[in-house]
Amino acid sequence: MYPLLFRTVLSRLDPERAHHLAMAVIRMLGLPPASWIARALTRPDPSLRTRALGLTFDSPFGVAAGFDKDVIGVKGLYALGFGHVEVGTLTAIPQEGNPRPRLFRLIPDRAVVNRMGFNNRGAEAAAVRLAKLRRRARRPVVGVNIGKSRVVDVADATADYERSARLLAPLADYLVVNVSSPNTPGLRGLQAVETLRPLLQAVKDACGRTPLLVKIAPDLPDDEITGIAALAVDVGLAGLIATNTTISREGLVTDPGVVAGAGDGGLSGAPLKERSLDVLRLVRSAVPESFCVVSVGGVETAADVRERLDAGADLVQGYTAFLYRGPLWPRQINRGLAARK
C-alpha cells in the first residue's frame, strides 16, 4: 500500500513538506494507545538484542541522524521498531539552516540530495525534551549528534562543540561529533587529523562517561579514513560512524537535468552503498574489536544490514530508504534479520 501512496501522493509533495507530514504521524504513533498497538506489531525479536557502547539495543538497526533533528519523534520511531534513534544534528545556537528548497528526491536512484544546513531549535531546547525522554521506562537507545553552529567561525569550533557536549552528553546514551556534513561551510575541514585531535579531546573531556563517537565522510581518501580511525582510538573515543552523505554524483541514473537542478548538497541512499561498505571494512581493519563501528549509507534491506554486520559493524543505521519504503521498513528489517539467525 505504501508504494502506491508514495507514487500517487507523497512523491508529488515538496520533500520537506512530506517529511513534516510524516513526522506528525510518527509523533501520534508515539502516544498511547497507538504506541502500544504499534509496538506489539513491530517489537524486534529478542534474538536481535545487541550489546554495544556498554548499552543494550533491542535491535542492531536504528535510524540515522537527520530524520529527527529536534527530539520530537523518538517515541514514535521506537513504536515502529527501531533499536536506536540518533537525534540531531543539534547545534549550540538555534539556526534556520539553508534557504529552501533544500531537499530533493532522485527517485530512479532511490536517493536524496539535501543541503539542510543543520536546521534545528538548538541544544538547550533539545535538552528539555531529552530530559523528559530519559524518565520513560520504555524507549530506544538515544544518541545525540552535535555539529558546529553556522555563525561560529571554524577557528572557534571547539568551544562551540564543547558547549553542546556539556549540555547534552548527560542526557544522551551516546554522543556523536559530526564533522562531515557538506552543508556547513568549512566543517569538513575539521576532519584533518591535526585539527580533529584537539577538538575530539576537548569534547571527550566535556562528555564525562557518555560514550563519544565521530562521524566521517565517505569522500575522504582511504589513508585519511584509517588515520581518523587510529586517531579516534588513540583519543579514547568509543566508536566511529561511517559514513555521512557524499558530494559525489557518479553512477546516477536519474536524468542529469534533474540532478543538476538539485544542486549542491549531500547525496544519500542506494548510490552510497558500495562506498559505505568499503569504508566500513577499512575502519574495521584499523581499530580493535572492542571499538564500536556504526555503518550507515545505502542500507535498504535486511540482507544489507546483515552484510554490514558480517563486515564488522556493531550497529547499522538507515534513513533514506525509510522515505521510499515507508513506516513498516524497520519491522521488515528486523523480521528479515531474525529469520536469518
C-alpha atoms as a PDB file:
ATOM      1  CA  MET A   1       0.000   0.000   0.000  1.00  0.00           C
ATOM      2  CA  TYR A   2       2.784   2.452   0.869  1.00  0.00           C
ATOM      3  CA  PRO A   3       4.450   2.231  -2.592  1.00  0.00           C
ATOM      4  CA  LEU A   4       1.139   3.264  -4.168  1.00  0.00           C
ATOM      5  CA  LEU A   5       0.753   6.123  -1.672  1.00  0.00           C
ATOM      6  CA  PHE A   6       4.301   7.263  -2.425  1.00  0.00           C
ATOM      7  CA  ARG A   7       3.823   7.185  -6.210  1.00  0.00           C
ATOM      8  CA  THR A   8       0.443   8.889  -6.254  1.00  0.00           C
ATOM      9  CA  VAL A   9       0.661  11.373  -3.371  1.00  0.00           C
ATOM     10  CA  LEU A  10       3.913  11.721  -1.440  1.00  0.00           C
ATOM     11  CA  SER A  11       6.216  11.922  -4.462  1.00  0.00           C
ATOM     12  CA  ARG A  12       4.184  14.910  -5.699  1.00  0.00           C
ATOM     13  CA  LEU A  13       4.672  16.854  -2.466  1.00  0.00           C
ATOM     14  CA  ASP A  14       7.651  19.028  -1.721  1.00  0.00           C
ATOM     15  CA  PRO A  15      10.061  16.610   0.031  1.00  0.00           C
ATOM     16  CA  GLU A  16      10.478  18.759   3.125  1.00  0.00           C
ATOM     17  CA  ARG A  17       6.730  19.202   3.482  1.00  0.00           C
ATOM     18  CA  ALA A  18       6.258  15.435   3.072  1.00  0.00           C
ATOM     19  CA  HIS A  19       8.817  14.871   5.817  1.00  0.00           C
ATOM     20  CA  HIS A  20       6.978  17.174   8.214  1.00  0.00           C
ATOM     21  CA  LEU A  21       3.689  15.401   7.493  1.00  0.00           C
ATOM     22  CA  ALA A  22       5.326  12.022   8.089  1.00  0.00           C
ATOM     23  CA  MET A  23       6.826  13.254  11.333  1.00  0.00           C
ATOM     24  CA  ALA A  24       3.401  14.424  12.520  1.00  0.00           C
ATOM     25  CA  VAL A  25       2.080  10.890  12.002  1.00  0.00           C
ATOM     26  CA  ILE A  26       5.112   9.377  13.735  1.00  0.00           C
ATOM     27  CA  ARG A  27       4.599  11.657  16.720  1.00  0.00           C
ATOM     28  CA  MET A  28       0.997  10.471  17.016  1.00  0.00           C
ATOM     29  CA  LEU A  29       2.197   6.867  16.866  1.00  0.00           C
ATOM     30  CA  GLY A  30       4.283   7.601  19.922  1.00  0.00           C
ATOM     31  CA  LEU A  31       1.194   8.293  22.028  1.00  0.00           C
ATOM     32  CA  PRO A  32      -0.928   5.608  23.767  1.00  0.00           C
ATOM     33  CA  PRO A  33      -2.864   3.610  22.770  1.00  0.00           C
ATOM     34  CA  ALA A  34      -1.390   3.848  19.240  1.00  0.00           C
ATOM     35  CA  SER A  35       2.119   3.280  20.601  1.00  0.00           C
ATOM     36  CA  TRP A  36       1.035   0.094  22.424  1.00  0.00           C
ATOM     37  CA  ILE A  37      -0.556  -1.332  19.305  1.00  0.00           C
ATOM     38  CA  ALA A  38       2.320  -0.372  17.015  1.00  0.00           C
ATOM     39  CA  ARG A  39       4.951  -1.712  19.381  1.00  0.00           C
ATOM     40  CA  ALA A  40       3.108  -5.008  19.739  1.00  0.00           C
ATOM     41  CA  LEU A  41       3.274  -5.408  15.953  1.00  0.00           C
ATOM     42  CA  THR A  42       6.849  -4.203  15.457  1.00  0.00           C
ATOM     43  CA  ARG A  43       8.766  -5.261  18.578  1.00  0.00           C
ATOM     44  CA  PRO A  44      12.085  -6.818  17.470  1.00  0.00           C
ATOM     45  CA  ASP A  45      12.623 -10.485  18.209  1.00  0.00           C
ATOM     46  CA  PRO A  46      14.587 -10.983  21.460  1.00  0.00           C
ATOM     47  CA  SER A  47      17.285 -12.761  19.447  1.00  0.00           C
ATOM     48  CA  LEU A  48      18.223  -9.383  17.928  1.00  0.00           C
ATOM     49  CA  ARG A  49      19.322  -7.818  21.219  1.00  0.00           C
ATOM     50  CA  THR A  50      22.762  -6.311  20.759  1.00  0.00           C
ATOM     51  CA  ARG A  51      25.417  -5.053  23.167  1.00  0.00           C
ATOM     52  CA  ALA A  52      27.489  -2.082  22.040  1.00  0.00           C
ATOM     53  CA  LEU A  53      28.891   1.038  23.700  1.00  0.00           C
ATOM     54  CA  GLY A  54      28.103  -0.562  27.054  1.00  0.00           C
ATOM     55  CA  LEU A  55      24.384  -0.398  26.153  1.00  0.00           C
ATOM     56  CA  THR A  56      21.708  -2.928  25.204  1.00  0.00           C
ATOM     57  CA  PHE A  57      19.898  -2.338  21.906  1.00  0.00           C
ATOM     58  CA  ASP A  58      16.632  -4.137  21.067  1.00  0.00           C
ATOM     59  CA  SER A  59      17.930  -4.456  17.513  1.00  0.00           C
ATOM     60  CA  PRO A  60      21.223  -3.557  15.828  1.00  0.00           C
ATOM     61  CA  PHE A  61      19.238  -1.444  13.352  1.00  0.00           C
ATOM     62  CA  GLY A  62      18.464   2.199  14.100  1.00  0.00           C
ATOM     63  CA  VAL A  63      17.576   5.451  12.426  1.00  0.00           C
ATOM     64  CA  ALA A  64      20.400   7.810  11.487  1.00  0.00           C
ATOM     65  CA  ALA A  65      20.775  11.447  12.474  1.00  0.00           C
ATOM     66  CA  GLY A  66      18.900  13.916  10.310  1.00  0.00           C
ATOM     67  CA  PHE A  67      15.474  12.327  10.480  1.00  0.00           C
ATOM     68  CA  ASP A  68      14.554  13.598  13.947  1.00  0.00           C
ATOM     69  CA  LYS A  69      16.549  16.780  14.275  1.00  0.00           C
ATOM     70  CA  ASP A  70      14.800  18.163  17.360  1.00  0.00           C
ATOM     71  CA  VAL A  71      13.956  15.124  19.540  1.00  0.00           C
ATOM     72  CA  ILE A  72      10.265  15.188  18.692  1.00  0.00           C
ATOM     73  CA  GLY A  73       9.672  11.749  17.140  1.00  0.00           C
ATOM     74  CA  VAL A  74      11.707   9.343  19.293  1.00  0.00           C
ATOM     75  CA  LYS A  75       8.720   7.627  20.914  1.00  0.00           C
ATOM     76  CA  GLY A  76       7.026   7.079  17.554  1.00  0.00           C
ATOM     77  CA  LEU A  77      10.218   5.774  15.941  1.00  0.00           C
ATOM     78  CA  TYR A  78      10.582   3.351  18.854  1.00  0.00           C
ATOM     79  CA  ALA A  79       6.989   2.221  18.278  1.00  0.00           C
ATOM     80  CA  LEU A  80       7.889   1.465  14.656  1.00  0.00           C
ATOM     81  CA  GLY A  81      10.665  -0.918  15.721  1.00  0.00           C
ATOM     82  CA  PHE A  82      13.951   0.982  15.516  1.00  0.00           C
ATOM     83  CA  GLY A  83      16.528  -0.253  18.020  1.00  0.00           C
ATOM     84  CA  HIS A  84      18.026   3.180  18.473  1.00  0.00           C
ATOM     85  CA  VAL A  85      17.394   6.741  17.361  1.00  0.00           C
ATOM     86  CA  GLU A  86      20.176   9.217  16.722  1.00  0.00           C
ATOM     87  CA  VAL A  87      18.732  12.716  17.016  1.00  0.00           C
ATOM     88  CA  GLY A  88      20.166  15.918  15.552  1.00  0.00           C
ATOM     89  CA  THR A  89      22.341  17.263  14.206  1.00  0.00           C
ATOM     90  CA  LEU A  90      21.995  19.776  17.049  1.00  0.00           C
ATOM     91  CA  THR A  91      23.960  22.997  17.369  1.00  0.00           C
ATOM     92  CA  ALA A  92      24.660  25.127  20.421  1.00  0.00           C
ATOM     93  CA  ILE A  93      22.922  28.079  18.748  1.00  0.00           C
ATOM     94  CA  PRO A  94      19.467  27.591  17.140  1.00  0.00           C
ATOM     95  CA  GLN A  95      19.514  28.070  13.375  1.00  0.00           C
ATOM     96  CA  GLU A  96      17.160  28.029  10.403  1.00  0.00           C
ATOM     97  CA  GLY A  97      19.515  26.185   8.078  1.00  0.00           C
ATOM     98  CA  ASN A  98      19.974  26.901   4.399  1.00  0.00           C
ATOM     99  CA  PRO A  99      17.338  28.581   2.181  1.00  0.00           C
ATOM    100  CA  ARG A 100      14.582  26.415   0.716  1.00  0.00           C
ATOM    101  CA  PRO A 101      14.236  24.359  -1.376  1.00  0.00           C
ATOM    102  CA  ARG A 102      16.978  22.259   0.204  1.00  0.00           C
ATOM    103  CA  LEU A 103      15.768  18.657  -0.056  1.00  0.00           C
ATOM    104  CA  PHE A 104      15.390  16.795  -3.364  1.00  0.00           C
ATOM    105  CA  ARG A 105      14.428  13.259  -4.380  1.00  0.00           C
ATOM    106  CA  LEU A 106      16.268  11.331  -7.086  1.00  0.00           C
ATOM    107  CA  ILE A 107      13.606   8.650  -7.384  1.00  0.00           C
ATOM    108  CA  PRO A 108      15.190   6.414 -10.075  1.00  0.00           C
ATOM    109  CA  ASP A 109      18.258   6.148  -7.811  1.00  0.00           C
ATOM    110  CA  ARG A 110      16.268   5.750  -4.584  1.00  0.00           C
ATOM    111  CA  ALA A 111      18.353   8.648  -3.334  1.00  0.00           C
ATOM    112  CA  VAL A 112      18.035  12.091  -1.801  1.00  0.00           C
ATOM    113  CA  VAL A 113      20.097  15.257  -2.080  1.00  0.00           C
ATOM    114  CA  ASN A 114      19.958  17.532   0.940  1.00  0.00           C
ATOM    115  CA  ARG A 115      21.575  20.803   1.873  1.00  0.00           C
ATOM    116  CA  MET A 116      19.526  21.385   5.013  1.00  0.00           C
ATOM    117  CA  GLY A 117      22.368  23.088   6.884  1.00  0.00           C
ATOM    118  CA  PHE A 118      21.753  21.788  10.422  1.00  0.00           C
ATOM    119  CA  ASN A 119      18.330  23.408  10.804  1.00  0.00           C
ATOM    120  CA  ASN A 120      17.364  22.869  14.462  1.00  0.00           C
ATOM    121  CA  ARG A 121      15.965  24.627  17.513  1.00  0.00           C
ATOM    122  CA  GLY A 122      19.232  24.441  19.414  1.00  0.00           C
ATOM    123  CA  ALA A 123      20.828  22.341  22.115  1.00  0.00           C
ATOM    124  CA  GLU A 124      19.031  23.999  25.028  1.00  0.00           C
ATOM    125  CA  ALA A 125      15.563  23.243  23.626  1.00  0.00           C
ATOM    126  CA  ALA A 126      16.623  19.669  22.829  1.00  0.00           C
ATOM    127  CA  ALA A 127      17.956  19.209  26.362  1.00  0.00           C
ATOM    128  CA  VAL A 128      14.496  19.848  27.806  1.00  0.00           C
ATOM    129  CA  ARG A 129      12.956  17.146  25.602  1.00  0.00           C
ATOM    130  CA  LEU A 130      15.802  14.712  26.243  1.00  0.00           C
ATOM    131  CA  ALA A 131      15.389  15.118  29.991  1.00  0.00           C
ATOM    132  CA  LYS A 132      11.700  14.197  29.715  1.00  0.00           C
ATOM    133  CA  LEU A 133      12.545  11.264  27.469  1.00  0.00           C
ATOM    134  CA  ARG A 134      15.071   9.837  29.933  1.00  0.00           C
ATOM    135  CA  ARG A 135      12.332   9.495  32.536  1.00  0.00           C
ATOM    136  CA  ARG A 136      10.489   6.990  30.330  1.00  0.00           C
ATOM    137  CA  ALA A 137      10.940   3.320  31.205  1.00  0.00           C
ATOM    138  CA  ARG A 138      10.323   2.231  27.616  1.00  0.00           C
ATOM    139  CA  ARG A 139      12.358   3.982  24.977  1.00  0.00           C
ATOM    140  CA  PRO A 140      15.081   3.158  22.492  1.00  0.00           C
ATOM    141  CA  VAL A 141      18.743   3.929  22.962  1.00  0.00           C
ATOM    142  CA  VAL A 142      19.045   7.622  22.076  1.00  0.00           C
ATOM    143  CA  GLY A 143      22.200   9.020  20.515  1.00  0.00           C
ATOM    144  CA  VAL A 144      22.751  12.752  20.134  1.00  0.00           C
ATOM    145  CA  ASN A 145      24.593  14.114  17.108  1.00  0.00           C
ATOM    146  CA  ILE A 146      26.180  17.566  17.512  1.00  0.00           C
ATOM    147  CA  GLY A 147      27.600  19.962  14.924  1.00  0.00           C
ATOM    148  CA  LYS A 148      29.119  23.414  14.599  1.00  0.00           C
ATOM    149  CA  SER A 149      26.811  26.431  14.758  1.00  0.00           C
ATOM    150  CA  ARG A 150      26.908  28.222  11.425  1.00  0.00           C
ATOM    151  CA  VAL A 151      27.554  31.667  12.914  1.00  0.00           C
ATOM    152  CA  VAL A 152      30.599  30.388  14.785  1.00  0.00           C
ATOM    153  CA  ASP A 153      33.918  30.702  12.990  1.00  0.00           C
ATOM    154  CA  VAL A 154      35.734  27.451  12.257  1.00  0.00           C
ATOM    155  CA  ALA A 155      38.598  28.690  14.452  1.00  0.00           C
ATOM    156  CA  ASP A 156      36.177  28.721  17.401  1.00  0.00           C
ATOM    157  CA  ALA A 157      34.536  25.383  16.598  1.00  0.00           C
ATOM    158  CA  THR A 158      35.986  23.503  19.567  1.00  0.00           C
ATOM    159  CA  ALA A 159      34.362  25.776  22.143  1.00  0.00           C
ATOM    160  CA  ASP A 160      31.072  25.580  20.247  1.00  0.00           C
ATOM    161  CA  TYR A 161      31.123  21.757  20.274  1.00  0.00           C
ATOM    162  CA  GLU A 162      32.115  21.755  23.961  1.00  0.00           C
ATOM    163  CA  ARG A 163      29.113  23.933  24.799  1.00  0.00           C
ATOM    164  CA  SER A 164      26.736  21.444  23.171  1.00  0.00           C
ATOM    165  CA  ALA A 165      28.516  18.460  24.705  1.00  0.00           C
ATOM    166  CA  ARG A 166      28.320  19.762  28.263  1.00  0.00           C
ATOM    167  CA  LEU A 167      24.604  20.397  27.869  1.00  0.00           C
ATOM    168  CA  LEU A 168      23.623  17.226  26.005  1.00  0.00           C
ATOM    169  CA  ALA A 169      26.059  14.477  26.987  1.00  0.00           C
ATOM    170  CA  PRO A 170      24.481  13.904  30.439  1.00  0.00           C
ATOM    171  CA  LEU A 171      21.127  13.343  28.695  1.00  0.00           C
ATOM    172  CA  ALA A 172      22.388  11.138  25.855  1.00  0.00           C
ATOM    173  CA  ASP A 173      23.077   7.415  25.761  1.00  0.00           C
ATOM    174  CA  TYR A 174      25.915   8.261  23.390  1.00  0.00           C
ATOM    175  CA  LEU A 175      27.161  11.442  21.705  1.00  0.00           C
ATOM    176  CA  VAL A 176      28.405  11.927  18.131  1.00  0.00           C
ATOM    177  CA  VAL A 177      30.690  14.665  16.810  1.00  0.00           C
ATOM    178  CA  ASN A 178      29.603  15.489  13.263  1.00  0.00           C
ATOM    179  CA  VAL A 179      32.478  16.998  11.284  1.00  0.00           C
ATOM    180  CA  SER A 180      31.405  15.510   7.966  1.00  0.00           C
ATOM    181  CA  SER A 181      28.291  17.265   6.708  1.00  0.00           C
ATOM    182  CA  PRO A 182      28.947  19.023   3.374  1.00  0.00           C
ATOM    183  CA  ASN A 183      26.316  21.672   4.104  1.00  0.00           C
ATOM    184  CA  THR A 184      28.080  23.846   6.693  1.00  0.00           C
ATOM    185  CA  PRO A 185      30.945  25.928   5.261  1.00  0.00           C
ATOM    186  CA  GLY A 186      34.351  24.764   6.488  1.00  0.00           C
ATOM    187  CA  LEU A 187      33.013  21.864   8.525  1.00  0.00           C
ATOM    188  CA  ARG A 188      34.643  19.028   6.599  1.00  0.00           C
ATOM    189  CA  GLY A 189      38.000  20.734   7.019  1.00  0.00           C
ATOM    190  CA  LEU A 190      37.786  19.773  10.691  1.00  0.00           C
ATOM    191  CA  GLN A 191      38.366  16.140   9.663  1.00  0.00           C
ATOM    192  CA  ALA A 192      42.069  16.844   9.150  1.00  0.00           C
ATOM    193  CA  VAL A 193      43.860  14.881  11.869  1.00  0.00           C
ATOM    194  CA  GLU A 194      45.830  17.862  13.188  1.00  0.00           C
ATOM    195  CA  THR A 195      42.584  19.824  13.620  1.00  0.00           C
ATOM    196  CA  LEU A 196      40.431  16.923  14.715  1.00  0.00           C
ATOM    197  CA  ARG A 197      42.617  15.704  17.587  1.00  0.00           C
ATOM    198  CA  PRO A 198      42.225  18.742  19.890  1.00  0.00           C
ATOM    199  CA  LEU A 199      38.533  19.014  19.031  1.00  0.00           C
ATOM    200  CA  LEU A 200      37.799  15.379  19.902  1.00  0.00           C
ATOM    201  CA  GLN A 201      39.910  15.536  23.044  1.00  0.00           C
ATOM    202  CA  ALA A 202      38.080  18.628  24.266  1.00  0.00           C
ATOM    203  CA  VAL A 203      34.637  17.163  23.536  1.00  0.00           C
ATOM    204  CA  LYS A 204      35.594  13.874  25.178  1.00  0.00           C
ATOM    205  CA  ASP A 205      36.636  15.730  28.322  1.00  0.00           C
ATOM    206  CA  ALA A 206      33.286  17.541  28.280  1.00  0.00           C
ATOM    207  CA  CYS A 207      31.351  14.288  27.830  1.00  0.00           C
ATOM    208  CA  GLY A 208      32.297  12.635  31.081  1.00  0.00           C
ATOM    209  CA  ARG A 209      31.242   8.975  30.980  1.00  0.00           C
ATOM    210  CA  THR A 210      28.950   9.288  27.967  1.00  0.00           C
ATOM    211  CA  PRO A 211      30.358   7.262  25.037  1.00  0.00           C
ATOM    212  CA  LEU A 212      31.661   9.548  22.294  1.00  0.00           C
ATOM    213  CA  LEU A 213      31.823   8.755  18.569  1.00  0.00           C
ATOM    214  CA  VAL A 214      32.872  10.705  15.486  1.00  0.00           C
ATOM    215  CA  LYS A 215      31.048  10.629  12.139  1.00  0.00           C
ATOM    216  CA  ILE A 216      33.128  10.781   8.960  1.00  0.00           C
ATOM    217  CA  ALA A 217      32.530  11.464   5.275  1.00  0.00           C
ATOM    218  CA  PRO A 218      32.761   8.819   2.539  1.00  0.00           C
ATOM    219  CA  ASP A 219      34.671  11.169   0.248  1.00  0.00           C
ATOM    220  CA  LEU A 220      37.941  11.059   2.181  1.00  0.00           C
ATOM    221  CA  PRO A 221      40.903   9.145   0.722  1.00  0.00           C
ATOM    222  CA  ASP A 222      41.409   5.713   2.260  1.00  0.00           C
ATOM    223  CA  ASP A 223      44.572   6.692   4.108  1.00  0.00           C
ATOM    224  CA  GLU A 224      42.795   9.629   5.764  1.00  0.00           C
ATOM    225  CA  ILE A 225      39.963   7.341   6.843  1.00  0.00           C
ATOM    226  CA  THR A 226      42.331   4.910   8.528  1.00  0.00           C
ATOM    227  CA  GLY A 227      44.187   7.875  10.030  1.00  0.00           C
ATOM    228  CA  ILE A 228      40.998   9.219  11.612  1.00  0.00           C
ATOM    229  CA  ALA A 229      40.108   5.736  12.853  1.00  0.00           C
ATOM    230  CA  ALA A 230      43.523   5.418  14.512  1.00  0.00           C
ATOM    231  CA  LEU A 231      43.129   8.905  15.989  1.00  0.00           C
ATOM    232  CA  ALA A 232      39.703   8.045  17.421  1.00  0.00           C
ATOM    233  CA  VAL A 233      41.194   5.001  19.145  1.00  0.00           C
ATOM    234  CA  ASP A 234      44.171   6.994  20.418  1.00  0.00           C
ATOM    235  CA  VAL A 235      42.000   9.768  21.868  1.00  0.00           C
ATOM    236  CA  GLY A 236      39.857   7.176  23.624  1.00  0.00           C
ATOM    237  CA  LEU A 237      36.609   7.502  21.707  1.00  0.00           C
ATOM    238  CA  ALA A 238      34.082   4.703  21.999  1.00  0.00           C
ATOM    239  CA  GLY A 239      33.400   4.415  18.291  1.00  0.00           C
ATOM    240  CA  LEU A 240      33.079   5.832  14.796  1.00  0.00           C
ATOM    241  CA  ILE A 241      30.146   6.239  12.395  1.00  0.00           C
ATOM    242  CA  ALA A 242      30.796   5.543   8.712  1.00  0.00           C
ATOM    243  CA  THR A 243      29.503   7.352   6.751  1.00  0.00           C
ATOM    244  CA  ASN A 244      27.813  10.687   6.216  1.00  0.00           C
ATOM    245  CA  THR A 245      26.427  11.777   2.828  1.00  0.00           C
ATOM    246  CA  THR A 246      28.609  12.127  -0.265  1.00  0.00           C
ATOM    247  CA  ILE A 247      29.245  15.062  -2.580  1.00  0.00           C
ATOM    248  CA  SER A 248      29.834  12.637  -5.476  1.00  0.00           C
ATOM    249  CA  ARG A 249      27.264  12.276  -8.246  1.00  0.00           C
ATOM    250  CA  GLU A 250      28.948   9.373 -10.043  1.00  0.00           C
ATOM    251  CA  GLY A 251      26.877   6.485 -11.371  1.00  0.00           C
ATOM    252  CA  LEU A 252      23.450   8.094 -11.028  1.00  0.00           C
ATOM    253  CA  VAL A 253      20.679   7.003 -13.418  1.00  0.00           C
ATOM    254  CA  THR A 254      18.401   9.956 -12.698  1.00  0.00           C
ATOM    255  CA  ASP A 255      18.112  12.410 -15.592  1.00  0.00           C
ATOM    256  CA  PRO A 256      21.201  14.687 -15.482  1.00  0.00           C
ATOM    257  CA  GLY A 257      18.976  17.743 -15.699  1.00  0.00           C
ATOM    258  CA  VAL A 258      17.144  16.683 -12.533  1.00  0.00           C
ATOM    259  CA  VAL A 259      20.447  16.036 -10.767  1.00  0.00           C
ATOM    260  CA  ALA A 260      21.769  19.439 -11.835  1.00  0.00           C
ATOM    261  CA  GLY A 261      18.533  21.050 -10.686  1.00  0.00           C
ATOM    262  CA  ALA A 262      19.006  19.596  -7.216  1.00  0.00           C
ATOM    263  CA  GLY A 263      22.325  21.423  -6.997  1.00  0.00           C
ATOM    264  CA  ASP A 264      24.861  21.149  -4.226  1.00  0.00           C
ATOM    265  CA  GLY A 265      24.389  19.084  -1.107  1.00  0.00           C
ATOM    266  CA  GLY A 266      24.952  15.643   0.332  1.00  0.00           C
ATOM    267  CA  LEU A 267      23.716  12.598  -1.572  1.00  0.00           C
ATOM    268  CA  SER A 268      22.299   9.704   0.448  1.00  0.00           C
ATOM    269  CA  GLY A 269      20.565   6.473  -0.417  1.00  0.00           C
ATOM    270  CA  ALA A 270      21.269   3.479  -2.624  1.00  0.00           C
ATOM    271  CA  PRO A 271      24.157   5.021  -4.649  1.00  0.00           C
ATOM    272  CA  LEU A 272      26.200   5.285  -1.445  1.00  0.00           C
ATOM    273  CA  LYS A 273      26.005   1.562  -0.691  1.00  0.00           C
ATOM    274  CA  GLU A 274      29.313   0.323  -2.087  1.00  0.00           C
ATOM    275  CA  ARG A 275      31.473   3.175  -0.814  1.00  0.00           C
ATOM    276  CA  SER A 276      29.894   2.997   2.629  1.00  0.00           C
ATOM    277  CA  LEU A 277      30.603  -0.724   2.778  1.00  0.00           C
ATOM    278  CA  ASP A 278      34.202  -0.159   1.659  1.00  0.00           C
ATOM    279  CA  VAL A 279      34.716   2.472   4.364  1.00  0.00           C
ATOM    280  CA  LEU A 280      33.251   0.128   6.981  1.00  0.00           C
ATOM    281  CA  ARG A 281      35.777  -2.547   6.058  1.00  0.00           C
ATOM    282  CA  LEU A 282      38.617  -0.024   6.112  1.00  0.00           C
ATOM    283  CA  VAL A 283      37.671   1.253   9.557  1.00  0.00           C
ATOM    284  CA  ARG A 284      37.083  -2.205  10.992  1.00  0.00           C
ATOM    285  CA  SER A 285      40.526  -3.315   9.867  1.00  0.00           C
ATOM    286  CA  ALA A 286      42.129  -0.320  11.576  1.00  0.00           C
ATOM    287  CA  VAL A 287      40.517  -0.493  15.026  1.00  0.00           C
ATOM    288  CA  PRO A 288      40.352  -3.005  17.903  1.00  0.00           C
ATOM    289  CA  GLU A 289      37.439  -5.402  18.158  1.00  0.00           C
ATOM    290  CA  SER A 290      36.178  -3.554  21.241  1.00  0.00           C
ATOM    291  CA  PHE A 291      35.871  -0.273  19.293  1.00  0.00           C
ATOM    292  CA  CYS A 292      32.288   0.309  18.109  1.00  0.00           C
ATOM    293  CA  VAL A 293      31.774   0.834  14.377  1.00  0.00           C
ATOM    294  CA  VAL A 294      28.379   2.035  13.152  1.00  0.00           C
ATOM    295  CA  SER A 295      27.646   1.631   9.446  1.00  0.00           C
ATOM    296  CA  VAL A 296      25.238   3.858   7.540  1.00  0.00           C
ATOM    297  CA  GLY A 297      24.759   4.621   3.854  1.00  0.00           C
ATOM    298  CA  GLY A 298      22.766   2.820   1.185  1.00  0.00           C
ATOM    299  CA  VAL A 299      21.106   0.356   3.567  1.00  0.00           C
ATOM    300  CA  GLU A 300      17.751  -0.807   2.213  1.00  0.00           C
ATOM    301  CA  THR A 301      17.062  -4.442   3.167  1.00  0.00           C
ATOM    302  CA  ALA A 302      17.682  -6.961   5.914  1.00  0.00           C
ATOM    303  CA  ALA A 303      20.307  -8.520   3.637  1.00  0.00           C
ATOM    304  CA  ASP A 304      22.084  -5.144   3.501  1.00  0.00           C
ATOM    305  CA  VAL A 305      22.065  -4.900   7.288  1.00  0.00           C
ATOM    306  CA  ARG A 306      23.330  -8.471   7.635  1.00  0.00           C
ATOM    307  CA  GLU A 307      26.121  -7.712   5.154  1.00  0.00           C
ATOM    308  CA  ARG A 308      27.228  -4.746   7.278  1.00  0.00           C
ATOM    309  CA  LEU A 309      27.150  -6.821  10.456  1.00  0.00           C
ATOM    310  CA  ASP A 310      29.139  -9.574   8.792  1.00  0.00           C
ATOM    311  CA  ALA A 311      31.660  -6.961   7.617  1.00  0.00           C
ATOM    312  CA  GLY A 312      32.267  -5.902  11.206  1.00  0.00           C
ATOM    313  CA  ALA A 313      29.645  -3.289  12.032  1.00  0.00           C
ATOM    314  CA  ASP A 314      28.374  -3.381  15.605  1.00  0.00           C
ATOM    315  CA  LEU A 315      25.313  -1.322  14.690  1.00  0.00           C
ATOM    316  CA  VAL A 316      23.689  -0.259  11.419  1.00  0.00           C
ATOM    317  CA  GLN A 317      21.636   2.838  10.639  1.00  0.00           C
ATOM    318  CA  GLY A 318      19.319   3.868   7.831  1.00  0.00           C
ATOM    319  CA  TYR A 319      17.389   6.936   6.782  1.00  0.00           C
ATOM    320  CA  THR A 320      16.796   7.477   3.062  1.00  0.00           C
ATOM    321  CA  ALA A 321      15.177   4.097   2.396  1.00  0.00           C
ATOM    322  CA  PHE A 322      12.648   4.973   5.120  1.00  0.00           C
ATOM    323  CA  LEU A 323      11.303   7.645   2.745  1.00  0.00           C
ATOM    324  CA  TYR A 324      10.936   5.146  -0.104  1.00  0.00           C
ATOM    325  CA  ARG A 325       9.800   2.058   1.825  1.00  0.00           C
ATOM    326  CA  GLY A 326       7.500   3.554   4.423  1.00  0.00           C
ATOM    327  CA  PRO A 327       6.621   3.017   8.087  1.00  0.00           C
ATOM    328  CA  LEU A 328       6.878  -0.792   8.034  1.00  0.00           C
ATOM    329  CA  TRP A 329      10.504  -0.640   6.918  1.00  0.00           C
ATOM    330  CA  PRO A 330      12.123  -1.170  10.358  1.00  0.00           C
ATOM    331  CA  ARG A 331       9.722  -4.072  11.015  1.00  0.00           C
ATOM    332  CA  GLN A 332      10.698  -5.643   7.698  1.00  0.00           C
ATOM    333  CA  ILE A 333      14.392  -5.248   8.509  1.00  0.00           C
ATOM    334  CA  ASN A 334      14.041  -6.765  11.959  1.00  0.00           C
ATOM    335  CA  ARG A 335      11.967  -9.689  10.757  1.00  0.00           C
ATOM    336  CA  GLY A 336      14.431 -10.385   7.999  1.00  0.00           C
ATOM    337  CA  LEU A 337      17.328 -10.310  10.463  1.00  0.00           C
ATOM    338  CA  ALA A 338      15.546 -12.637  12.892  1.00  0.00           C
ATOM    339  CA  ALA A 339      14.771 -15.100  10.088  1.00  0.00           C
ATOM    340  CA  ARG A 340      18.486 -15.304   9.294  1.00  0.00           C
ATOM    341  CA  LYS A 341      19.525 -16.070  12.877  1.00  0.00           C
END
